[in-house]
Amino acid sequence: MGGRKTGDDGHTLWAGYHTVPRKKLEPSCKNRRKPFYTPTMLLLTTCLTFVDTFTVGLVNPVYPQLVQSKVIGATSYAMIMSAANAAALAGSTLFGRLSDLHGRRVAIIASTCTASLGYLCYFVGFACEGHSDVLRLALPAAGRVVGGMG
């Protein structure tokens, strides 16, 4: 039976096999990346989720009311929703490719910025209620399309 022996170089030999000592790991690595979900990013993600829920739950039901009141036609409403879905298809492909090329973090930040721009269009459009009817209708529609992409 081969027992534990020590070779010429001080390493342990088990049954004739030479073993190499393990490297000791340092407690902190300087090249280590910070986690993506820092408290600031977590707060930003939570706020954007709230705004997204707000637009889906409170703003999107405005469109059927606009159709019923003859402000925009049913065809215009269908075009806005179709454009938003087409933008979501294009955006998911674009941000997926961006994620493949530059990493998930860059894609998430770019998607967040795009969605924020869409929400900004929503808010500015609804703030223009008494000023311009064209901006009142066009900006939320553009916000729906841009937000759908993000």
N, C-alpha and C. Protein backbone atom coordinates (compact mmCIF):
# COMPACT_ATOMS: atom_id res chain seq x y z
N MET A 1 0.83 -1.18 0.00
CA MET A 1 0.00 0.00 0.00
C MET A 1 0.87 1.23 0.00
N GLY A 2 0.52 2.12 -0.88
CA GLY A 2 1.28 3.36 -0.93
C GLY A 2 0.76 4.33 0.10
N GLY A 3 1.60 4.81 0.91
CA GLY A 3 1.20 5.77 1.95
C GLY A 3 1.62 7.17 1.58
N ARG A 4 1.54 8.03 2.52
CA ARG A 4 1.89 9.43 2.31
C ARG A 4 3.39 9.58 2.45
N LYS A 5 3.99 10.12 1.41
CA LYS A 5 5.43 10.33 1.41
C LYS A 5 5.71 11.73 0.91
N THR A 6 6.87 12.22 1.19
CA THR A 6 7.26 13.54 0.73
C THR A 6 8.35 13.38 -0.31
N GLY A 7 8.16 14.05 -1.45
CA GLY A 7 9.13 13.97 -2.52
C GLY A 7 10.33 14.88 -2.26
N ASP A 8 11.24 14.90 -3.24
CA ASP A 8 12.45 15.70 -3.10
C ASP A 8 12.15 17.20 -3.03
N ASP A 9 11.08 17.64 -3.71
CA ASP A 9 10.78 19.06 -3.75
C ASP A 9 9.86 19.50 -2.59
N GLY A 10 9.52 18.63 -1.68
CA GLY A 10 8.71 18.99 -0.52
C GLY A 10 7.23 18.80 -0.73
N HIS A 11 6.78 18.43 -1.93
CA HIS A 11 5.36 18.19 -2.18
C HIS A 11 4.99 16.78 -1.75
N THR A 12 3.73 16.61 -1.50
CA THR A 12 3.25 15.32 -1.02
C THR A 12 3.11 14.33 -2.17
N LEU A 13 3.51 13.10 -1.93
CA LEU A 13 3.35 12.01 -2.88
C LEU A 13 2.33 11.04 -2.31
N TRP A 14 1.30 10.72 -3.07
CA TRP A 14 0.32 9.72 -2.67
C TRP A 14 0.42 8.55 -3.62
N ALA A 15 0.77 7.43 -3.14
CA ALA A 15 0.84 6.19 -3.91
C ALA A 15 1.61 6.39 -5.21
N GLY A 16 2.66 7.16 -5.14
CA GLY A 16 3.50 7.36 -6.30
C GLY A 16 3.08 8.51 -7.20
N TYR A 17 1.93 9.17 -6.91
CA TYR A 17 1.48 10.29 -7.73
C TYR A 17 1.94 11.59 -7.11
N HIS A 18 2.44 12.46 -7.92
CA HIS A 18 2.94 13.74 -7.45
C HIS A 18 1.80 14.76 -7.43
N THR A 19 1.56 15.40 -6.33
CA THR A 19 0.51 16.41 -6.24
C THR A 19 1.11 17.79 -6.18
N VAL A 20 0.38 18.75 -6.69
CA VAL A 20 0.84 20.14 -6.71
C VAL A 20 0.03 20.91 -5.67
N PRO A 21 0.68 21.70 -4.86
CA PRO A 21 -0.08 22.44 -3.84
C PRO A 21 -1.02 23.46 -4.49
N ARG A 22 -2.16 23.69 -3.87
CA ARG A 22 -3.13 24.65 -4.37
C ARG A 22 -2.67 26.07 -4.09
N LYS A 23 -3.06 26.96 -4.99
CA LYS A 23 -2.75 28.37 -4.78
C LYS A 23 -3.73 28.93 -3.76
N LYS A 24 -3.22 29.78 -2.90
CA LYS A 24 -4.09 30.41 -1.92
C LYS A 24 -4.80 31.59 -2.58
N LEU A 25 -6.10 31.70 -2.38
CA LEU A 25 -6.87 32.80 -2.95
C LEU A 25 -6.78 34.01 -2.05
N GLU A 26 -6.64 35.15 -2.68
CA GLU A 26 -6.61 36.39 -1.91
C GLU A 26 -8.03 36.74 -1.49
N PRO A 27 -8.18 37.35 -0.32
CA PRO A 27 -9.54 37.65 0.15
C PRO A 27 -10.27 38.68 -0.71
N SER A 28 -9.57 39.61 -1.32
CA SER A 28 -10.25 40.60 -2.16
C SER A 28 -9.50 40.71 -3.48
N CYS A 29 -10.24 40.65 -4.55
CA CYS A 29 -9.65 40.78 -5.88
C CYS A 29 -9.85 42.21 -6.34
N LYS A 30 -8.81 42.83 -6.82
CA LYS A 30 -8.91 44.22 -7.26
C LYS A 30 -9.56 44.34 -8.63
N ASN A 31 -9.51 43.30 -9.43
CA ASN A 31 -10.08 43.34 -10.77
C ASN A 31 -11.56 42.99 -10.80
N ARG A 32 -12.14 42.74 -9.68
CA ARG A 32 -13.53 42.31 -9.61
C ARG A 32 -14.47 43.47 -9.90
N ARG A 33 -15.50 43.21 -10.73
CA ARG A 33 -16.48 44.25 -11.07
C ARG A 33 -17.49 44.39 -9.96
N LYS A 34 -17.99 45.60 -9.81
CA LYS A 34 -19.04 45.83 -8.83
C LYS A 34 -20.34 45.21 -9.34
N PRO A 35 -21.18 44.74 -8.44
CA PRO A 35 -22.46 44.19 -8.91
C PRO A 35 -23.30 45.27 -9.57
N PHE A 36 -24.09 44.86 -10.57
CA PHE A 36 -24.88 45.83 -11.33
C PHE A 36 -25.98 46.44 -10.48
N TYR A 37 -26.56 45.67 -9.61
CA TYR A 37 -27.67 46.18 -8.83
C TYR A 37 -27.19 46.84 -7.55
N THR A 38 -26.53 47.96 -7.73
CA THR A 38 -26.18 48.80 -6.60
C THR A 38 -27.47 49.49 -6.15
N PRO A 39 -27.49 50.09 -4.97
CA PRO A 39 -28.73 50.73 -4.51
C PRO A 39 -29.26 51.80 -5.47
N THR A 40 -28.39 52.53 -6.14
CA THR A 40 -28.84 53.55 -7.08
C THR A 40 -29.53 52.91 -8.28
N MET A 41 -28.94 51.86 -8.84
CA MET A 41 -29.53 51.20 -9.99
C MET A 41 -30.83 50.48 -9.59
N LEU A 42 -30.89 49.96 -8.38
CA LEU A 42 -32.10 49.31 -7.91
C LEU A 42 -33.23 50.33 -7.77
N LEU A 43 -32.92 51.52 -7.26
CA LEU A 43 -33.92 52.58 -7.14
C LEU A 43 -34.39 53.04 -8.52
N LEU A 44 -33.45 53.20 -9.46
CA LEU A 44 -33.81 53.60 -10.81
C LEU A 44 -34.68 52.55 -11.49
N THR A 45 -34.34 51.29 -11.32
CA THR A 45 -35.13 50.21 -11.91
C THR A 45 -36.53 50.16 -11.30
N THR A 46 -36.62 50.38 -10.01
CA THR A 46 -37.92 50.39 -9.35
C THR A 46 -38.78 51.55 -9.85
N CYS A 47 -38.17 52.73 -9.98
CA CYS A 47 -38.91 53.90 -10.49
C CYS A 47 -39.38 53.68 -11.92
N LEU A 48 -38.54 53.11 -12.77
CA LEU A 48 -38.94 52.85 -14.15
C LEU A 48 -40.03 51.79 -14.25
N THR A 49 -39.98 50.81 -13.38
CA THR A 49 -41.06 49.81 -13.35
C THR A 49 -42.37 50.46 -12.94
N PHE A 50 -42.30 51.38 -11.96
CA PHE A 50 -43.50 52.09 -11.55
C PHE A 50 -44.05 52.93 -12.69
N VAL A 51 -43.19 53.65 -13.39
CA VAL A 51 -43.63 54.51 -14.49
C VAL A 51 -44.21 53.65 -15.62
N ASP A 52 -43.59 52.51 -15.89
CA ASP A 52 -44.11 51.62 -16.93
C ASP A 52 -45.51 51.11 -16.55
N THR A 53 -45.68 50.74 -15.30
CA THR A 53 -46.99 50.31 -14.83
C THR A 53 -48.00 51.45 -14.90
N PHE A 54 -47.53 52.64 -14.59
CA PHE A 54 -48.38 53.83 -14.66
C PHE A 54 -48.88 54.06 -16.09
N THR A 55 -47.97 53.98 -17.06
CA THR A 55 -48.37 54.24 -18.44
C THR A 55 -49.29 53.15 -18.97
N VAL A 56 -49.01 51.91 -18.60
CA VAL A 56 -49.87 50.82 -19.08
C VAL A 56 -51.23 50.88 -18.39
N GLY A 57 -51.25 51.14 -17.09
CA GLY A 57 -52.48 51.09 -16.33
C GLY A 57 -53.35 52.33 -16.39
N LEU A 58 -52.73 53.50 -16.54
CA LEU A 58 -53.51 54.73 -16.49
C LEU A 58 -53.55 55.51 -17.79
N VAL A 59 -52.49 55.46 -18.56
CA VAL A 59 -52.43 56.28 -19.77
C VAL A 59 -53.01 55.54 -20.98
N ASN A 60 -52.73 54.27 -21.12
CA ASN A 60 -53.24 53.53 -22.28
C ASN A 60 -54.76 53.47 -22.35
N PRO A 61 -55.49 53.43 -21.23
CA PRO A 61 -56.95 53.49 -21.36
C PRO A 61 -57.49 54.82 -21.89
N VAL A 62 -56.64 55.83 -22.00
CA VAL A 62 -57.08 57.12 -22.56
C VAL A 62 -57.33 56.98 -24.06
N TYR A 63 -56.56 56.16 -24.74
CA TYR A 63 -56.69 56.04 -26.19
C TYR A 63 -58.08 55.59 -26.65
N PRO A 64 -58.68 54.56 -26.04
CA PRO A 64 -60.04 54.21 -26.48
C PRO A 64 -61.05 55.35 -26.26
N GLN A 65 -60.86 56.13 -25.20
CA GLN A 65 -61.73 57.29 -24.98
C GLN A 65 -61.55 58.33 -26.09
N LEU A 66 -60.31 58.49 -26.54
CA LEU A 66 -60.06 59.42 -27.65
C LEU A 66 -60.72 58.91 -28.93
N VAL A 67 -60.72 57.59 -29.12
CA VAL A 67 -61.37 57.02 -30.31
C VAL A 67 -62.88 57.22 -30.23
N GLN A 68 -63.47 56.98 -29.08
CA GLN A 68 -64.92 57.13 -28.93
C GLN A 68 -65.36 58.58 -29.07
N SER A 69 -64.52 59.52 -28.64
CA SER A 69 -64.90 60.93 -28.74
C SER A 69 -64.55 61.53 -30.10
N LYS A 70 -64.12 60.71 -31.05
CA LYS A 70 -63.78 61.11 -32.42
C LYS A 70 -62.59 62.07 -32.50
N VAL A 71 -61.76 62.11 -31.45
CA VAL A 71 -60.56 62.94 -31.51
C VAL A 71 -59.54 62.29 -32.45
N ILE A 72 -59.34 61.00 -32.28
CA ILE A 72 -58.55 60.24 -33.25
C ILE A 72 -59.44 59.11 -33.74
N GLY A 73 -59.21 58.68 -34.93
CA GLY A 73 -60.02 57.61 -35.49
C GLY A 73 -59.52 56.24 -35.06
N ALA A 74 -60.31 55.25 -35.34
CA ALA A 74 -59.93 53.88 -35.01
C ALA A 74 -58.70 53.44 -35.80
N THR A 75 -58.59 53.94 -37.02
CA THR A 75 -57.43 53.59 -37.84
C THR A 75 -56.16 54.18 -37.24
N SER A 76 -56.23 55.43 -36.78
CA SER A 76 -55.05 56.05 -36.16
C SER A 76 -54.66 55.31 -34.89
N TYR A 77 -55.64 54.93 -34.11
CA TYR A 77 -55.36 54.17 -32.89
C TYR A 77 -54.69 52.84 -33.21
N ALA A 78 -55.21 52.14 -34.22
CA ALA A 78 -54.62 50.87 -34.62
C ALA A 78 -53.20 51.06 -35.15
N MET A 79 -52.97 52.16 -35.86
CA MET A 79 -51.62 52.44 -36.37
C MET A 79 -50.64 52.72 -35.22
N ILE A 80 -51.10 53.44 -34.20
CA ILE A 80 -50.23 53.73 -33.04
C ILE A 80 -49.86 52.42 -32.33
N MET A 81 -50.85 51.58 -32.08
CA MET A 81 -50.58 50.32 -31.38
C MET A 81 -49.73 49.38 -32.23
N SER A 82 -49.97 49.36 -33.53
CA SER A 82 -49.15 48.52 -34.42
C SER A 82 -47.72 49.01 -34.48
N ALA A 83 -47.56 50.33 -34.54
CA ALA A 83 -46.21 50.90 -34.56
C ALA A 83 -45.48 50.62 -33.24
N ALA A 84 -46.20 50.67 -32.12
CA ALA A 84 -45.58 50.38 -30.83
C ALA A 84 -45.14 48.92 -30.75
N ASN A 85 -45.96 48.01 -31.27
CA ASN A 85 -45.57 46.60 -31.27
C ASN A 85 -44.43 46.32 -32.23
N ALA A 86 -44.42 46.98 -33.38
CA ALA A 86 -43.30 46.84 -34.31
C ALA A 86 -42.02 47.40 -33.70
N ALA A 87 -42.14 48.51 -32.97
CA ALA A 87 -40.97 49.09 -32.30
C ALA A 87 -40.47 48.16 -31.21
N ALA A 88 -41.38 47.48 -30.51
CA ALA A 88 -40.96 46.51 -29.49
C ALA A 88 -40.20 45.34 -30.13
N LEU A 89 -40.66 44.91 -31.28
CA LEU A 89 -39.97 43.83 -31.99
C LEU A 89 -38.58 44.27 -32.43
N ALA A 90 -38.51 45.46 -33.03
CA ALA A 90 -37.21 45.98 -33.48
C ALA A 90 -36.30 46.27 -32.29
N GLY A 91 -36.87 46.82 -31.22
CA GLY A 91 -36.06 47.15 -30.04
C GLY A 91 -35.50 45.91 -29.36
N SER A 92 -36.30 44.86 -29.25
CA SER A 92 -35.80 43.65 -28.60
C SER A 92 -34.68 43.02 -29.44
N THR A 93 -34.80 43.09 -30.74
CA THR A 93 -33.72 42.58 -31.61
C THR A 93 -32.47 43.45 -31.47
N LEU A 94 -32.66 44.75 -31.49
CA LEU A 94 -31.53 45.69 -31.38
C LEU A 94 -30.82 45.55 -30.04
N PHE A 95 -31.59 45.54 -28.96
CA PHE A 95 -30.96 45.46 -27.64
C PHE A 95 -30.40 44.07 -27.36
N GLY A 96 -30.95 43.04 -27.98
CA GLY A 96 -30.37 41.71 -27.87
C GLY A 96 -29.01 41.64 -28.55
N ARG A 97 -28.91 42.24 -29.72
CA ARG A 97 -27.62 42.29 -30.43
C ARG A 97 -26.62 43.13 -29.65
N LEU A 98 -27.10 44.26 -29.10
CA LEU A 98 -26.23 45.12 -28.29
C LEU A 98 -25.72 44.37 -27.07
N SER A 99 -26.57 43.55 -26.48
CA SER A 99 -26.17 42.74 -25.33
C SER A 99 -25.12 41.70 -25.73
N ASP A 100 -25.27 41.12 -26.91
CA ASP A 100 -24.28 40.15 -27.37
C ASP A 100 -22.93 40.80 -27.62
N LEU A 101 -22.94 42.01 -28.16
CA LEU A 101 -21.69 42.67 -28.51
C LEU A 101 -20.99 43.33 -27.33
N HIS A 102 -21.77 44.01 -26.48
CA HIS A 102 -21.16 44.84 -25.45
C HIS A 102 -21.52 44.44 -24.02
N GLY A 103 -22.34 43.43 -23.85
CA GLY A 103 -22.68 42.97 -22.51
C GLY A 103 -24.07 43.41 -22.09
N ARG A 104 -24.56 42.72 -21.09
CA ARG A 104 -25.91 42.95 -20.61
C ARG A 104 -26.09 44.32 -19.98
N ARG A 105 -25.08 44.79 -19.29
CA ARG A 105 -25.18 46.07 -18.59
C ARG A 105 -25.43 47.21 -19.56
N VAL A 106 -24.69 47.25 -20.64
CA VAL A 106 -24.85 48.32 -21.65
C VAL A 106 -26.23 48.25 -22.27
N ALA A 107 -26.71 47.05 -22.56
CA ALA A 107 -28.03 46.89 -23.17
C ALA A 107 -29.14 47.33 -22.22
N ILE A 108 -29.01 47.02 -20.95
CA ILE A 108 -30.02 47.42 -19.97
C ILE A 108 -30.04 48.93 -19.82
N ILE A 109 -28.88 49.55 -19.78
CA ILE A 109 -28.82 51.01 -19.66
C ILE A 109 -29.40 51.68 -20.90
N ALA A 110 -29.07 51.17 -22.08
CA ALA A 110 -29.61 51.75 -23.32
C ALA A 110 -31.13 51.57 -23.40
N SER A 111 -31.62 50.42 -23.00
CA SER A 111 -33.06 50.18 -23.00
C SER A 111 -33.77 51.08 -22.00
N THR A 112 -33.16 51.28 -20.85
CA THR A 112 -33.73 52.16 -19.83
C THR A 112 -33.79 53.60 -20.31
N CYS A 113 -32.74 54.05 -20.98
CA CYS A 113 -32.73 55.42 -21.51
C CYS A 113 -33.79 55.59 -22.60
N THR A 114 -33.95 54.59 -23.44
CA THR A 114 -34.97 54.65 -24.50
C THR A 114 -36.37 54.69 -23.90
N ALA A 115 -36.62 53.85 -22.91
CA ALA A 115 -37.93 53.85 -22.26
C ALA A 115 -38.18 55.18 -21.55
N SER A 116 -37.14 55.74 -20.93
CA SER A 116 -37.29 57.04 -20.24
C SER A 116 -37.63 58.14 -21.24
N LEU A 117 -37.04 58.09 -22.42
CA LEU A 117 -37.36 59.08 -23.45
C LEU A 117 -38.82 58.96 -23.88
N GLY A 118 -39.31 57.73 -23.99
CA GLY A 118 -40.71 57.52 -24.33
C GLY A 118 -41.64 58.06 -23.24
N TYR A 119 -41.28 57.84 -21.98
CA TYR A 119 -42.11 58.34 -20.88
C TYR A 119 -42.06 59.87 -20.82
N LEU A 120 -40.93 60.44 -21.15
CA LEU A 120 -40.83 61.90 -21.20
C LEU A 120 -41.77 62.46 -22.27
N CYS A 121 -41.85 61.78 -23.41
CA CYS A 121 -42.80 62.20 -24.45
C CYS A 121 -44.23 62.12 -23.94
N TYR A 122 -44.55 61.07 -23.20
CA TYR A 122 -45.88 60.96 -22.59
C TYR A 122 -46.18 62.17 -21.72
N PHE A 123 -45.27 62.45 -20.80
CA PHE A 123 -45.53 63.49 -19.81
C PHE A 123 -45.59 64.87 -20.43
N VAL A 124 -44.72 65.15 -21.39
CA VAL A 124 -44.75 66.46 -22.06
C VAL A 124 -46.03 66.58 -22.89
N GLY A 125 -46.43 65.50 -23.54
CA GLY A 125 -47.67 65.52 -24.32
C GLY A 125 -48.89 65.80 -23.46
N PHE A 126 -48.95 65.20 -22.29
CA PHE A 126 -50.09 65.45 -21.42
C PHE A 126 -50.00 66.80 -20.73
N ALA A 127 -48.82 67.37 -20.65
CA ALA A 127 -48.68 68.72 -20.08
C ALA A 127 -49.10 69.78 -21.08
N CYS A 128 -49.15 69.46 -22.36
CA CYS A 128 -49.54 70.41 -23.41
C CYS A 128 -51.04 70.41 -23.65
N GLU A 129 -51.83 70.12 -22.64
CA GLU A 129 -53.26 69.93 -22.85
C GLU A 129 -53.96 71.17 -23.37
N GLY A 130 -53.70 72.33 -22.84
CA GLY A 130 -54.41 73.52 -23.29
C GLY A 130 -53.67 74.30 -24.36
N HIS A 131 -52.47 73.91 -24.70
CA HIS A 131 -51.64 74.71 -25.60
C HIS A 131 -51.79 74.30 -27.06
N SER A 132 -51.55 73.06 -27.36
CA SER A 132 -51.56 72.62 -28.75
C SER A 132 -52.19 71.23 -28.84
N ASP A 133 -53.22 71.13 -29.66
CA ASP A 133 -53.88 69.82 -29.83
C ASP A 133 -53.00 68.84 -30.58
N VAL A 134 -52.18 69.35 -31.49
CA VAL A 134 -51.30 68.46 -32.26
C VAL A 134 -50.26 67.82 -31.33
N LEU A 135 -49.63 68.64 -30.48
CA LEU A 135 -48.65 68.10 -29.54
C LEU A 135 -49.33 67.20 -28.52
N ARG A 136 -50.53 67.54 -28.14
CA ARG A 136 -51.28 66.76 -27.16
C ARG A 136 -51.53 65.34 -27.65
N LEU A 137 -51.70 65.16 -28.94
CA LEU A 137 -51.94 63.83 -29.50
C LEU A 137 -50.66 63.17 -30.03
N ALA A 138 -49.78 63.98 -30.61
CA ALA A 138 -48.60 63.41 -31.27
C ALA A 138 -47.54 62.93 -30.27
N LEU A 139 -47.31 63.70 -29.21
CA LEU A 139 -46.26 63.31 -28.27
C LEU A 139 -46.58 62.03 -27.50
N PRO A 140 -47.79 61.85 -26.97
CA PRO A 140 -48.05 60.55 -26.34
C PRO A 140 -47.99 59.38 -27.33
N ALA A 141 -48.38 59.62 -28.57
CA ALA A 141 -48.28 58.55 -29.58
C ALA A 141 -46.82 58.21 -29.85
N ALA A 142 -45.99 59.25 -29.98
CA ALA A 142 -44.55 59.00 -30.17
C ALA A 142 -43.95 58.36 -28.93
N GLY A 143 -44.42 58.78 -27.76
CA GLY A 143 -43.94 58.17 -26.52
C GLY A 143 -44.31 56.71 -26.43
N ARG A 144 -45.48 56.36 -26.95
CA ARG A 144 -45.91 54.95 -26.96
C ARG A 144 -45.00 54.12 -27.85
N VAL A 145 -44.62 54.67 -28.98
CA VAL A 145 -43.75 53.95 -29.92
C VAL A 145 -42.34 53.84 -29.36
N VAL A 146 -41.79 54.95 -28.87
CA VAL A 146 -40.42 54.92 -28.32
C VAL A 146 -40.36 54.10 -27.05
N GLY A 147 -41.38 54.25 -26.19
CA GLY A 147 -41.42 53.44 -24.98
C GLY A 147 -41.57 51.96 -25.26
N GLY A 148 -42.29 51.63 -26.33
CA GLY A 148 -42.42 50.23 -26.73
C GLY A 148 -41.09 49.65 -27.17
N MET A 149 -40.26 50.49 -27.76
CA MET A 149 -38.95 50.02 -28.19
C MET A 149 -38.05 49.71 -27.00
N GLY A 150 -38.16 50.53 -25.97
CA GLY A 150 -37.32 50.33 -24.78
C GLY A 150 -37.82 49.22 -23.95
